[in-house]
Every structure is written in structure tokens, then in C-alpha cells.
Protein backbone atom coordinates (compact mmCIF):
# COMPACT_ATOMS: atom_id res chain seq x y z
CA MET A 1 16.47 -16.77 -15.17
CA SER A 2 13.85 -18.96 -13.53
CA ASN A 3 13.42 -22.68 -14.25
CA ARG A 4 9.70 -22.31 -13.56
CA PRO A 5 8.55 -22.48 -17.24
CA LEU A 6 10.66 -25.60 -17.76
CA LEU A 7 9.28 -27.22 -14.61
CA LEU A 8 5.70 -26.36 -15.60
CA ALA A 9 6.21 -27.86 -19.05
CA ALA A 10 7.77 -31.00 -17.57
CA GLY A 11 4.89 -31.27 -15.09
CA ALA A 12 2.31 -30.89 -17.85
CA MET A 13 4.03 -33.59 -19.93
CA MET A 14 4.13 -35.93 -16.93
CA ALA A 15 0.43 -35.30 -16.26
CA PHE A 16 -0.42 -35.96 -19.92
CA SER A 17 1.66 -39.15 -19.90
CA ALA A 18 -0.02 -40.30 -16.71
CA ALA A 19 -3.45 -39.53 -18.15
CA THR A 20 -2.83 -41.57 -21.30
CA PRO A 21 -1.04 -44.75 -20.22
CA ARG A 22 -0.24 -47.31 -22.85
CA ASP A 23 0.16 -51.00 -22.36
CA PRO A 24 3.71 -52.31 -22.38
CA LEU A 25 4.72 -54.29 -25.44
CA SER A 26 3.84 -57.96 -25.08
CA SER A 27 6.25 -60.77 -25.94
CA ASP A 28 4.20 -61.30 -29.14
CA ASP A 29 4.59 -57.59 -29.99
CA ILE A 30 8.35 -57.82 -29.49
CA LYS A 31 8.58 -60.92 -31.72
CA PHE A 32 6.58 -59.05 -34.37
CA LEU A 33 8.88 -56.02 -34.06
CA GLN A 34 11.87 -58.34 -34.58
CA ASP A 35 10.64 -59.74 -37.91
CA PRO A 36 13.81 -60.73 -39.82
CA GLY A 37 12.63 -58.95 -42.98
CA GLY A 38 12.56 -55.62 -41.16
CA TRP A 39 10.42 -52.53 -41.65
CA GLU A 40 10.16 -50.13 -44.61
CA TYR A 41 9.94 -46.39 -43.96
CA ILE A 42 6.62 -44.95 -45.16
CA THR A 43 6.53 -41.46 -43.66
CA VAL A 44 9.00 -39.34 -41.70
CA SER A 45 7.85 -36.07 -40.20
CA ASP A 46 9.44 -33.75 -37.70
CA GLN A 47 8.96 -30.38 -36.12
CA ASP A 48 11.14 -27.62 -37.46
CA ALA A 49 10.84 -24.38 -35.50
CA GLY A 50 7.38 -25.41 -34.36
CA ILE A 51 6.08 -26.29 -37.84
CA GLN A 52 5.35 -29.92 -38.66
CA THR A 53 7.14 -30.97 -41.85
CA GLN A 54 7.26 -34.19 -43.82
CA HIS A 55 10.31 -35.52 -45.64
CA THR A 56 9.63 -35.46 -49.38
CA CYS A 57 11.13 -38.92 -49.87
CA PHE A 58 9.02 -40.47 -47.13
CA ASP A 59 5.63 -38.94 -47.79
CA GLY A 60 3.52 -42.11 -47.79
CA GLN A 61 4.15 -42.98 -51.45
CA PRO A 62 6.92 -45.22 -52.83
CA HIS A 63 9.76 -43.51 -54.71
CA PRO A 64 11.57 -46.47 -56.33
CA GLY A 65 15.14 -45.71 -57.31
CA GLN A 66 15.08 -42.36 -55.49
CA CYS A 67 14.44 -43.07 -51.83
CA SER A 68 14.14 -46.04 -49.52
CA GLY A 69 14.59 -46.75 -45.87
CA LYS A 70 14.65 -49.91 -43.83
CA MET A 71 14.92 -50.65 -40.12
CA THR A 72 15.65 -54.12 -38.74
CA PHE A 73 15.44 -55.15 -35.09
CA THR A 74 17.09 -58.39 -33.95
CA ARG A 75 16.37 -60.67 -31.01
CA ALA A 76 19.86 -59.80 -29.73
CA LYS A 77 18.53 -56.23 -29.17
CA THR A 78 20.53 -54.73 -32.04
CA PHE A 79 19.20 -52.63 -34.90
CA VAL A 80 20.33 -51.73 -38.41
CA GLN A 81 18.93 -48.72 -40.23
CA GLN A 82 19.65 -48.07 -43.91
CA VAL A 83 18.32 -45.01 -45.68
CA SER A 84 19.02 -44.23 -49.35
CA ILE A 85 18.17 -40.84 -50.76
CA HIS A 86 19.06 -39.91 -54.35
CA GLY A 87 21.94 -42.38 -54.55
CA ALA A 88 23.48 -41.70 -51.13
CA THR A 89 23.08 -44.41 -48.49
CA VAL A 90 23.45 -43.82 -44.79
CA SER A 91 23.67 -46.76 -42.40
CA ARG A 92 23.27 -46.65 -38.68
CA ARG A 93 23.55 -49.53 -36.25
CA GLY A 94 23.63 -50.15 -32.56
CA THR A 95 21.45 -51.50 -29.80
CA TYR A 96 17.92 -50.77 -28.65
CA LYS A 97 16.13 -50.98 -25.34
CA ILE A 98 12.41 -51.49 -24.76
CA GLU A 99 10.83 -50.23 -21.54
CA GLY A 100 7.06 -50.60 -21.40
CA ASP A 101 5.79 -49.05 -24.64
CA GLN A 102 8.97 -47.00 -25.16
CA LEU A 103 11.94 -47.80 -27.39
CA SER A 104 15.36 -46.09 -27.26
CA PHE A 105 18.20 -46.46 -29.74
CA PHE A 106 21.88 -46.39 -28.84
CA ASP A 107 24.03 -45.98 -31.95
CA GLU A 108 27.55 -47.30 -32.55
CA PHE A 109 28.93 -44.31 -30.60
CA GLY A 110 26.61 -44.89 -27.63
CA THR A 111 24.47 -41.84 -28.45
CA ARG A 112 20.91 -42.28 -27.24
CA ASP A 113 17.99 -41.48 -29.54
CA GLY A 114 14.61 -41.62 -27.87
CA PRO A 115 12.65 -42.80 -26.11
CA TYR A 116 10.03 -43.22 -28.82
CA ALA A 117 6.47 -44.30 -28.05
CA VAL A 118 5.83 -47.55 -29.93
CA GLN A 119 2.53 -48.30 -31.64
CA LEU A 120 2.33 -51.68 -33.36
CA ASN A 121 -0.64 -52.78 -35.44
CA ARG A 122 -0.21 -56.47 -36.18
CA GLU A 123 -3.35 -56.56 -38.33
CA LEU A 124 -2.18 -53.76 -40.67
CA LYS A 125 1.48 -54.72 -40.15
CA THR A 126 2.48 -51.17 -39.26
CA LEU A 127 4.83 -49.62 -36.73
CA VAL A 128 4.76 -46.01 -35.54
CA LEU A 129 7.64 -44.56 -33.51
CA SER A 130 6.93 -41.12 -32.11
CA MET A 131 8.26 -38.42 -29.84
CA PRO A 132 6.83 -34.92 -29.48
CA GLN A 133 9.10 -33.63 -32.28
CA VAL A 134 9.26 -36.62 -34.67
CA ARG A 135 7.02 -39.35 -36.07
CA LEU A 136 8.13 -42.36 -38.12
CA GLU A 137 5.62 -44.63 -39.83
CA LEU A 138 6.91 -47.98 -41.05
CA GLU A 139 5.34 -51.01 -42.66
CA LEU A 140 6.48 -54.60 -42.33
CA GLU A 141 8.76 -55.19 -45.32
CA LYS A 142 6.83 -58.29 -46.48
CA GLN A 143 3.59 -56.29 -46.47
CA TYR A 144 5.24 -53.32 -48.19
CA LYS A 145 6.51 -55.54 -51.04
CA ASP A 146 3.12 -57.24 -51.34
CA ASP A 147 1.39 -53.84 -51.49
CA ARG A 148 3.76 -52.70 -54.25
CA GLU A 149 3.24 -55.89 -56.27
CA GLN A 150 -0.54 -55.52 -55.91
CA LYS A 151 -0.25 -51.77 -56.65
CA ARG A 152 -1.86 -50.91 -53.31
CA PRO A 153 -0.74 -47.83 -51.36
CA PRO A 154 1.20 -48.56 -48.15
CA HIS A 155 -0.82 -48.71 -44.94
CA HIS A 156 -0.43 -45.65 -42.75
């Protein structure tokens, strides 16, 4: 079996990446990412057999008491992720590495997840982490709580 289709796909991805460069995260962006309050999950979508799907708990609307998710990044380059769905909580922790506009996670077992393209919007207080097969939209926890208190929908 030939590796030609794989090489063509890799070449096309490299050409696309080269055609759409993004600025590396600034030191201000990194400080913003490392807000001690963390980030609330708003939407989670992934590709399943080529079809884009969205997780019912993280569909852009709050589901108090049913679902919640939070990601915290520290200045020591560690992360903590806590996701609660219908009473079950899953925690994940480890380290992260930022290279340019890309972020990779390394969990407690050293397993790499990423790299994700990082899009920060300091005005809207949103964070998008994306790869071709997954997209996570998060909102700064302080903003998320303020939106809920004011009965505003989350920014996304």
C-alpha cells in the first residue's frame, strides 16, 4: 500500500497552515490564559466518523446541576481539568506547553493531547482550543458567573 495519499494530505495541511499563519501568543495573552479563576466549558464538539457532533452537556447553554467543566492553567505550566456530567466527575491534570499559537497537554501519565490552535479574545473573555477533529469553546470563569447572574447567554 502506498503512503502517497497520506503524504498528499500532510502536504495539503502544511500548505494550509503556511497560508494562514497566526501570531504567537503574547506574554499578555499567556497571563490572561493563566487567570487563577480558570475557564468554564461552553461548547465541546468533535468529529465522529466525519460528522461534526456537539456534546449535549456543552451545547452553549448552562446546565446547572447536570453538567459543568472547568480548565485552569497555572504560571508553573500545569493544568487542572474537572468535568462533571450527571453526578460523575472526571479530573485530569498535568503540564502544558505553548509553542507559538499552539498548546499541547501532557497528562499525569505523560500522554500528549494536541497541539490545539489557541484563539483568545480578551474583550469577550473567550478561549477556543481547536484541532481538525475537536473544538472547545471556553469562557473566563469570572465572565461566565457574571453572565449567569445577569441572565445573559455565554459568549461564544
